[in-house]
């Protein structure tokens, strides 16, 4: 997600990592909109990979 400039705090929320210290106690924000943004970016990235739109992905011949 760093490639998509998704803040690491959002990525941590997506994979359900818990905050530590005072943030864990006082920051009660759910990050729902931020997680949606991060997951929308990830879905678009996976779609591009699966459609071979990314020049960095090598396509291998299918075997019968």
PDB file of N, CA and C in Angstrom:
ATOM      1  N   UNK A   1       0.815  -1.193   0.000  1.00  0.00           N
ATOM      2  CA  UNK A   1       0.000   0.000   0.000  1.00  0.00           C
ATOM      3  C   UNK A   1       0.858   1.256   0.000  1.00  0.00           C
ATOM      4  N   UNK A   2       2.103   1.124   0.428  1.00  0.00           N
ATOM      5  CA  UNK A   2       2.999   2.281   0.390  1.00  0.00           C
ATOM      6  C   UNK A   2       3.170   2.774  -1.031  1.00  0.00           C
ATOM      7  N   UNK A   3       3.178   1.856  -1.995  1.00  0.00           N
ATOM      8  CA  UNK A   3       3.294   2.232  -3.403  1.00  0.00           C
ATOM      9  C   UNK A   3       2.165   3.171  -3.817  1.00  0.00           C
ATOM     10  N   UNK A   4       0.996   2.967  -3.255  1.00  0.00           N
ATOM     11  CA  UNK A   4      -0.155   3.800  -3.567  1.00  0.00           C
ATOM     12  C   UNK A   4      -0.280   5.008  -2.665  1.00  0.00           C
ATOM     13  N   UNK A   5       0.777   5.287  -1.906  1.00  0.00           N
ATOM     14  CA  UNK A   5       0.804   6.427  -0.982  1.00  0.00           C
ATOM     15  C   UNK A   5      -0.289   6.334   0.089  1.00  0.00           C
ATOM     16  N   UNK A   6      -0.649   5.107   0.437  1.00  0.00           N
ATOM     17  CA  UNK A   6      -1.607   4.891   1.527  1.00  0.00           C
ATOM     18  C   UNK A   6      -0.841   5.068   2.833  1.00  0.00           C
ATOM     19  N   UNK A   7      -1.280   5.949   3.719  1.00  0.00           N
ATOM     20  CA  UNK A   7      -0.571   6.130   4.990  1.00  0.00           C
ATOM     21  C   UNK A   7      -0.474   4.816   5.767  1.00  0.00           C
ATOM     22  N   UNK A   8       0.657   4.612   6.408  1.00  0.00           N
ATOM     23  CA  UNK A   8       0.866   3.353   7.134  1.00  0.00           C
ATOM     24  C   UNK A   8      -0.165   3.143   8.237  1.00  0.00           C
ATOM     25  N   UNK A   9      -0.660   4.225   8.821  1.00  0.00           N
ATOM     26  CA  UNK A   9      -1.704   4.087   9.852  1.00  0.00           C
ATOM     27  C   UNK A   9      -2.951   3.416   9.269  1.00  0.00           C
ATOM     28  N   UNK A  10      -3.294   3.782   8.048  1.00  0.00           N
ATOM     29  CA  UNK A  10      -4.472   3.193   7.394  1.00  0.00           C
ATOM     30  C   UNK A  10      -4.220   1.725   7.090  1.00  0.00           C
ATOM     31  N   UNK A  11      -3.037   1.420   6.570  1.00  0.00           N
ATOM     32  CA  UNK A  11      -2.700   0.025   6.253  1.00  0.00           C
ATOM     33  C   UNK A  11      -2.731  -0.826   7.515  1.00  0.00           C
ATOM     34  N   UNK A  12      -2.240  -0.294   8.609  1.00  0.00           N
ATOM     35  CA  UNK A  12      -2.273  -1.015   9.887  1.00  0.00           C
ATOM     36  C   UNK A  12      -3.714  -1.295  10.311  1.00  0.00           C
ATOM     37  N   UNK A  13      -4.588  -0.337  10.097  1.00  0.00           N
ATOM     38  CA  UNK A  13      -6.003  -0.525  10.429  1.00  0.00           C
ATOM     39  C   UNK A  13      -6.630  -1.601   9.549  1.00  0.00           C
ATOM     40  N   UNK A  14      -6.271  -1.619   8.260  1.00  0.00           N
ATOM     41  CA  UNK A  14      -6.823  -2.607   7.329  1.00  0.00           C
ATOM     42  C   UNK A  14      -6.497  -4.026   7.793  1.00  0.00           C
ATOM     43  N   UNK A  15      -5.266  -4.235   8.271  1.00  0.00           N
ATOM     44  CA  UNK A  15      -4.892  -5.586   8.714  1.00  0.00           C
ATOM     45  C   UNK A  15      -5.147  -5.790  10.209  1.00  0.00           C
ATOM     46  N   UNK A  16      -5.899  -4.860  10.792  1.00  0.00           N
ATOM     47  CA  UNK A  16      -6.398  -4.956  12.159  1.00  0.00           C
ATOM     48  C   UNK A  16      -5.314  -4.955  13.227  1.00  0.00           C
ATOM     49  N   UNK A  17      -4.202  -4.233  12.969  1.00  0.00           N
ATOM     50  CA  UNK A  17      -3.204  -4.060  14.013  1.00  0.00           C
ATOM     51  C   UNK A  17      -3.743  -3.044  15.013  1.00  0.00           C
ATOM     52  N   UNK A  18      -3.479  -3.279  16.255  1.00  0.00           N
ATOM     53  CA  UNK A  18      -3.962  -2.398  17.313  1.00  0.00           C
ATOM     54  C   UNK A  18      -2.921  -1.349  17.661  1.00  0.00           C
ATOM     55  N   UNK A  19      -3.384  -0.149  17.956  1.00  0.00           N
ATOM     56  CA  UNK A  19      -2.503   0.936  18.365  1.00  0.00           C
ATOM     57  C   UNK A  19      -1.991   0.667  19.780  1.00  0.00           C
ATOM     58  N   UNK A  20      -0.895   1.314  20.113  1.00  0.00           N
ATOM     59  CA  UNK A  20      -0.319   1.142  21.450  1.00  0.00           C
ATOM     60  C   UNK A  20      -0.340   2.465  22.203  1.00  0.00           C
ATOM     61  N   UNK A  21      -0.096   2.380  23.481  1.00  0.00           N
ATOM     62  CA  UNK A  21       0.038   3.573  24.321  1.00  0.00           C
ATOM     63  C   UNK A  21      -1.237   4.379  24.440  1.00  0.00           C
ATOM     64  N   UNK A  22      -1.063   5.694  24.574  1.00  0.00           N
ATOM     65  CA  UNK A  22      -2.214   6.577  24.767  1.00  0.00           C
ATOM     66  C   UNK A  22      -3.130   6.585  23.547  1.00  0.00           C
ATOM     67  N   UNK A  23      -2.561   6.356  22.373  1.00  0.00           N
ATOM     68  CA  UNK A  23      -3.383   6.324  21.158  1.00  0.00           C
ATOM     69  C   UNK A  23      -4.419   5.203  21.235  1.00  0.00           C
ATOM     70  N   UNK A  24      -4.032   4.076  21.780  1.00  0.00           N
ATOM     71  CA  UNK A  24      -4.957   2.947  21.905  1.00  0.00           C
ATOM     72  C   UNK A  24      -6.128   3.282  22.829  1.00  0.00           C
ATOM     73  N   UNK A  25      -5.887   4.134  23.776  1.00  0.00           N
ATOM     74  CA  UNK A  25      -6.919   4.484  24.760  1.00  0.00           C
ATOM     75  C   UNK A  25      -7.779   5.653  24.286  1.00  0.00           C
ATOM     76  N   UNK A  26      -7.155   6.687  23.742  1.00  0.00           N
ATOM     77  CA  UNK A  26      -7.870   7.925  23.475  1.00  0.00           C
ATOM     78  C   UNK A  26      -8.308   8.138  22.033  1.00  0.00           C
ATOM     79  N   UNK A  27      -7.644   7.509  21.080  1.00  0.00           N
ATOM     80  CA  UNK A  27      -8.025   7.689  19.675  1.00  0.00           C
ATOM     81  C   UNK A  27      -9.069   6.637  19.322  1.00  0.00           C
ATOM     82  N   UNK A  28     -10.321   7.011  19.390  1.00  0.00           N
ATOM     83  CA  UNK A  28     -11.420   6.076  19.169  1.00  0.00           C
ATOM     84  C   UNK A  28     -11.976   6.143  17.740  1.00  0.00           C
ATOM     85  N   UNK A  29     -11.267   6.838  16.862  1.00  0.00           N
ATOM     86  CA  UNK A  29     -11.683   6.936  15.468  1.00  0.00           C
ATOM     87  C   UNK A  29     -11.650   5.537  14.840  1.00  0.00           C
ATOM     88  N   UNK A  30     -12.673   5.182  14.064  1.00  0.00           N
ATOM     89  CA  UNK A  30     -12.766   3.828  13.496  1.00  0.00           C
ATOM     90  C   UNK A  30     -12.011   3.653  12.189  1.00  0.00           C
ATOM     91  N   UNK A  31     -11.633   4.744  11.530  1.00  0.00           N
ATOM     92  CA  UNK A  31     -10.891   4.707  10.267  1.00  0.00           C
ATOM     93  C   UNK A  31     -11.673   4.018   9.152  1.00  0.00           C
ATOM     94  N   UNK A  32     -12.978   3.975   9.240  1.00  0.00           N
ATOM     95  CA  UNK A  32     -13.782   3.289   8.216  1.00  0.00           C
ATOM     96  C   UNK A  32     -13.570   3.873   6.823  1.00  0.00           C
ATOM     97  N   UNK A  33     -13.643   5.194   6.689  1.00  0.00           N
ATOM     98  CA  UNK A  33     -13.469   5.815   5.375  1.00  0.00           C
ATOM     99  C   UNK A  33     -12.046   5.621   4.857  1.00  0.00           C
ATOM    100  N   UNK A  34     -11.073   5.718   5.750  1.00  0.00           N
ATOM    101  CA  UNK A  34      -9.682   5.542   5.357  1.00  0.00           C
ATOM    102  C   UNK A  34      -9.415   4.099   4.923  1.00  0.00           C
ATOM    103  N   UNK A  35      -9.972   3.154   5.656  1.00  0.00           N
ATOM    104  CA  UNK A  35      -9.806   1.745   5.279  1.00  0.00           C
ATOM    105  C   UNK A  35     -10.465   1.474   3.927  1.00  0.00           C
ATOM    106  N   UNK A  36     -11.618   2.080   3.674  1.00  0.00           N
ATOM    107  CA  UNK A  36     -12.297   1.921   2.383  1.00  0.00           C
ATOM    108  C   UNK A  36     -11.425   2.458   1.260  1.00  0.00           C
ATOM    109  N   UNK A  37     -10.813   3.629   1.473  1.00  0.00           N
ATOM    110  CA  UNK A  37      -9.930   4.215   0.471  1.00  0.00           C
ATOM    111  C   UNK A  37      -8.744   3.290   0.190  1.00  0.00           C
ATOM    112  N   UNK A  38      -8.144   2.759   1.232  1.00  0.00           N
ATOM    113  CA  UNK A  38      -6.993   1.866   1.087  1.00  0.00           C
ATOM    114  C   UNK A  38      -7.394   0.590   0.353  1.00  0.00           C
ATOM    115  N   UNK A  39      -8.532   0.028   0.701  1.00  0.00           N
ATOM    116  CA  UNK A  39      -8.975  -1.213   0.062  1.00  0.00           C
ATOM    117  C   UNK A  39      -9.428  -0.976  -1.376  1.00  0.00           C
ATOM    118  N   UNK A  40      -9.990   0.185  -1.662  1.00  0.00           N
ATOM    119  CA  UNK A  40     -10.333   0.522  -3.051  1.00  0.00           C
ATOM    120  C   UNK A  40      -9.074   0.614  -3.902  1.00  0.00           C
ATOM    121  N   UNK A  41      -8.013   1.232  -3.344  1.00  0.00           N
ATOM    122  CA  UNK A  41      -6.746   1.299  -4.074  1.00  0.00           C
ATOM    123  C   UNK A  41      -6.210  -0.111  -4.311  1.00  0.00           C
ATOM    124  N   UNK A  42      -6.246  -0.951  -3.275  1.00  0.00           N
ATOM    125  CA  UNK A  42      -5.733  -2.323  -3.387  1.00  0.00           C
ATOM    126  C   UNK A  42      -6.530  -3.120  -4.426  1.00  0.00           C
ATOM    127  N   UNK A  43      -7.838  -2.949  -4.461  1.00  0.00           N
ATOM    128  CA  UNK A  43      -8.674  -3.651  -5.442  1.00  0.00           C
ATOM    129  C   UNK A  43      -8.299  -3.227  -6.869  1.00  0.00           C
ATOM    130  N   UNK A  44      -8.086  -1.932  -7.073  1.00  0.00           N
ATOM    131  CA  UNK A  44      -7.693  -1.438  -8.397  1.00  0.00           C
ATOM    132  C   UNK A  44      -6.316  -1.969  -8.779  1.00  0.00           C
ATOM    133  N   UNK A  45      -5.416  -2.046  -7.813  1.00  0.00           N
ATOM    134  CA  UNK A  45      -4.064  -2.562  -8.068  1.00  0.00           C
ATOM    135  C   UNK A  45      -4.120  -4.032  -8.469  1.00  0.00           C
ATOM    136  N   UNK A  46      -4.880  -4.827  -7.739  1.00  0.00           N
ATOM    137  CA  UNK A  46      -5.022  -6.248  -8.075  1.00  0.00           C
ATOM    138  C   UNK A  46      -5.681  -6.432  -9.432  1.00  0.00           C
ATOM    139  N   UNK A  47      -6.673  -5.614  -9.722  1.00  0.00           N
ATOM    140  CA  UNK A  47      -7.347  -5.680 -11.020  1.00  0.00           C
ATOM    141  C   UNK A  47      -6.365  -5.405 -12.158  1.00  0.00           C
ATOM    142  N   UNK A  48      -5.516  -4.408 -11.989  1.00  0.00           N
ATOM    143  CA  UNK A  48      -4.512  -4.083 -13.009  1.00  0.00           C
ATOM    144  C   UNK A  48      -3.530  -5.234 -13.187  1.00  0.00           C
ATOM    145  N   UNK A  49      -3.141  -5.861 -12.094  1.00  0.00           N
ATOM    146  CA  UNK A  49      -2.221  -7.001 -12.177  1.00  0.00           C
ATOM    147  C   UNK A  49      -2.885  -8.159 -12.915  1.00  0.00           C
ATOM    148  N   UNK A  50      -4.110  -8.472 -12.567  1.00  0.00           N
ATOM    149  CA  UNK A  50      -4.809  -9.604 -13.173  1.00  0.00           C
ATOM    150  C   UNK A  50      -5.115  -9.372 -14.652  1.00  0.00           C
ATOM    151  N   UNK A  51      -5.272  -8.113 -15.035  1.00  0.00           N
ATOM    152  CA  UNK A  51      -5.540  -7.788 -16.440  1.00  0.00           C
ATOM    153  C   UNK A  51      -4.246  -7.535 -17.212  1.00  0.00           C
ATOM    154  N   UNK A  52      -3.106  -7.787 -16.560  1.00  0.00           N
ATOM    155  CA  UNK A  52      -1.791  -7.626 -17.171  1.00  0.00           C
ATOM    156  C   UNK A  52      -1.547  -6.197 -17.639  1.00  0.00           C
ATOM    157  N   UNK A  53      -2.054  -5.229 -16.908  1.00  0.00           N
ATOM    158  CA  UNK A  53      -1.856  -3.819 -17.250  1.00  0.00           C
ATOM    159  C   UNK A  53      -0.589  -3.256 -16.611  1.00  0.00           C
ATOM    160  N   UNK A  54       0.079  -4.049 -15.805  1.00  0.00           N
ATOM    161  CA  UNK A  54       1.283  -3.605 -15.115  1.00  0.00           C
ATOM    162  C   UNK A  54       2.494  -4.171 -15.837  1.00  0.00           C
ATOM    163  N   UNK A  55       3.356  -3.304 -16.332  1.00  0.00           N
ATOM    164  CA  UNK A  55       4.520  -3.740 -17.108  1.00  0.00           C
ATOM    165  C   UNK A  55       5.495  -4.556 -16.279  1.00  0.00           C
ATOM    166  N   UNK A  56       5.395  -4.492 -14.955  1.00  0.00           N
ATOM    167  CA  UNK A  56       6.323  -5.234 -14.108  1.00  0.00           C
ATOM    168  C   UNK A  56       5.894  -6.681 -13.871  1.00  0.00           C
ATOM    169  N   UNK A  57       4.709  -7.047 -14.322  1.00  0.00           N
ATOM    170  CA  UNK A  57       4.208  -8.411 -14.125  1.00  0.00           C
ATOM    171  C   UNK A  57       4.447  -9.222 -15.379  1.00  0.00           C
ATOM    172  N   UNK A  58       5.119 -10.354 -15.245  1.00  0.00           N
ATOM    173  CA  UNK A  58       5.411 -11.214 -16.382  1.00  0.00           C
ATOM    174  C   UNK A  58       4.252 -12.180 -16.596  1.00  0.00           C
ATOM    175  N   UNK A  59       3.844 -12.336 -17.847  1.00  0.00           N
ATOM    176  CA  UNK A  59       2.771 -13.260 -18.194  1.00  0.00           C
ATOM    177  C   UNK A  59       3.401 -14.550 -18.681  1.00  0.00           C
ATOM    178  N   UNK A  60       3.045 -15.664 -18.079  1.00  0.00           N
ATOM    179  CA  UNK A  60       3.568 -16.958 -18.464  1.00  0.00           C
ATOM    180  C   UNK A  60       2.546 -17.687 -19.336  1.00  0.00           C
ATOM    181  N   UNK A  61       3.038 -18.485 -20.246  1.00  0.00           N
ATOM    182  CA  UNK A  61       2.152 -19.252 -21.116  1.00  0.00           C
ATOM    183  C   UNK A  61       1.361 -20.265 -20.298  1.00  0.00           C
ATOM    184  N   UNK A  62       0.115 -20.440 -20.648  1.00  0.00           N
ATOM    185  CA  UNK A  62      -0.747 -21.414 -19.971  1.00  0.00           C
ATOM    186  C   UNK A  62      -0.475 -22.805 -20.541  1.00  0.00           C
ATOM    187  N   UNK A  63      -0.414 -23.784 -19.710  1.00  0.00           N
ATOM    188  CA  UNK A  63      -0.239 -25.160 -20.167  1.00  0.00           C
ATOM    189  C   UNK A  63      -1.599 -25.815 -20.319  1.00  0.00           C
ATOM    190  N   UNK A  64      -1.709 -26.683 -21.286  1.00  0.00           N
ATOM    191  CA  UNK A  64      -2.983 -27.358 -21.549  1.00  0.00           C
ATOM    192  C   UNK A  64      -3.288 -28.414 -20.512  1.00  0.00           C
TER     193      UNK A  64
END
